[in-house]
Amino acid sequence: MSTNKLLENLNYEELIDLKNKLVDGEIEKLIKIKLEKFKNTNKVCPVCNTPIGEGGLTLIFGSADFKRKAEFDAVDCLEYFISKIRK
């Protein structure tokens, strides 16, 4: 949803409330919390379900407008994943 559409759907009281929360910094805090939820702190290999440490391998794939990121624990899992994508 675009910001314009979001604002168009708010009534007067909701806009005033949103403005006050923006000024008070509440919106920024809420956005930071929401973004933290997207971070995967418990990384697990999608092939073998092994926990991934700092030495994992990262593959970024997908179309130009929709990139995906996958992390693997070892080269064999990465190769297996790539072979499945090709099929």
Protein backbone atom coordinates (compact mmCIF):
# COMPACT_ATOMS: atom_id res chain seq x y z
CA MET A 1 0.00 0.00 0.00
CA SER A 2 1.38 3.39 -0.89
CA THR A 3 1.67 6.17 1.64
CA ASN A 4 -0.82 8.30 -0.27
CA LYS A 5 -3.43 5.54 -0.22
CA LEU A 6 -2.82 5.01 3.48
CA LEU A 7 -3.35 8.69 4.26
CA GLU A 8 -6.42 8.95 2.02
CA ASN A 9 -8.13 6.22 4.05
CA LEU A 10 -7.66 8.01 7.39
CA ASN A 11 -10.27 10.32 8.88
CA TYR A 12 -9.47 13.63 10.58
CA GLU A 13 -8.98 12.20 14.09
CA GLU A 14 -6.76 9.41 12.79
CA LEU A 15 -4.62 11.91 10.87
CA ILE A 16 -4.16 14.06 13.99
CA ASP A 17 -3.24 10.95 16.01
CA LEU A 18 -0.78 9.86 13.33
CA LYS A 19 0.79 13.32 13.20
CA ASN A 20 1.21 13.39 17.00
CA LYS A 21 2.78 9.93 17.01
CA LEU A 22 5.11 11.01 14.21
CA VAL A 23 6.23 14.09 16.14
CA ASP A 24 6.69 12.07 19.35
CA GLY A 25 8.85 9.49 17.56
CA GLU A 26 6.43 6.62 18.17
CA ILE A 27 6.13 5.82 14.46
CA GLU A 28 9.89 5.48 14.08
CA LYS A 29 10.04 3.12 17.06
CA LEU A 30 7.22 0.98 15.67
CA ILE A 31 8.91 0.79 12.26
CA LYS A 32 12.22 -0.24 13.84
CA ILE A 33 10.48 -2.99 15.83
CA LYS A 34 8.69 -4.24 12.72
CA LEU A 35 11.93 -4.26 10.69
CA GLU A 36 13.71 -6.23 13.42
CA LYS A 37 11.08 -8.94 13.07
CA PHE A 38 12.11 -9.40 9.43
CA LYS A 39 15.69 -10.17 10.42
CA ASN A 40 16.23 -13.89 10.75
CA THR A 41 18.40 -14.26 13.85
CA ASN A 42 17.99 -18.04 13.95
CA LYS A 43 19.35 -18.85 10.52
CA VAL A 44 18.76 -22.42 9.40
CA CYS A 45 19.84 -24.05 6.14
CA PRO A 46 16.72 -24.52 3.95
CA VAL A 47 18.05 -27.85 2.64
CA CYS A 48 19.22 -29.74 5.73
CA ASN A 49 17.82 -27.58 8.59
CA THR A 50 21.26 -27.21 10.20
CA PRO A 51 21.81 -23.97 12.16
CA ILE A 52 24.00 -21.55 10.20
CA GLY A 53 26.78 -19.63 11.90
CA GLU A 54 28.88 -16.79 10.57
CA GLY A 55 30.47 -19.01 7.91
CA GLY A 56 27.32 -19.58 5.89
CA LEU A 57 26.99 -19.18 2.14
CA THR A 58 24.51 -16.64 0.76
CA LEU A 59 22.67 -16.88 -2.55
CA ILE A 60 20.64 -13.95 -3.89
CA PHE A 61 18.30 -14.97 -6.67
CA GLY A 62 15.08 -14.00 -8.38
CA SER A 63 13.83 -11.49 -10.89
CA ALA A 64 15.03 -7.88 -10.88
CA ASP A 65 11.90 -6.68 -9.10
CA PHE A 66 11.65 -9.54 -6.59
CA LYS A 67 14.96 -10.65 -5.12
CA ARG A 68 15.18 -13.51 -2.62
CA LYS A 69 18.02 -14.38 -0.28
CA ALA A 70 18.88 -17.86 0.98
CA GLU A 71 21.70 -18.90 3.29
CA PHE A 72 23.27 -22.35 3.35
CA ASP A 73 25.57 -24.10 5.80
CA ALA A 74 27.79 -25.78 3.17
CA VAL A 75 28.54 -25.95 -0.55
CA ASP A 76 26.72 -29.27 -1.01
CA CYS A 77 23.43 -27.75 0.20
CA LEU A 78 23.92 -24.73 -2.05
CA GLU A 79 24.58 -26.99 -5.05
CA TYR A 80 21.53 -29.11 -4.25
CA PHE A 81 19.34 -26.01 -4.02
CA ILE A 82 20.63 -24.66 -7.35
CA SER A 83 20.03 -28.02 -9.02
CA LYS A 84 16.40 -27.97 -7.81
CA ILE A 85 15.91 -24.41 -9.11
CA ARG A 86 17.13 -25.45 -12.58
CA LYS A 87 14.51 -28.22 -12.84
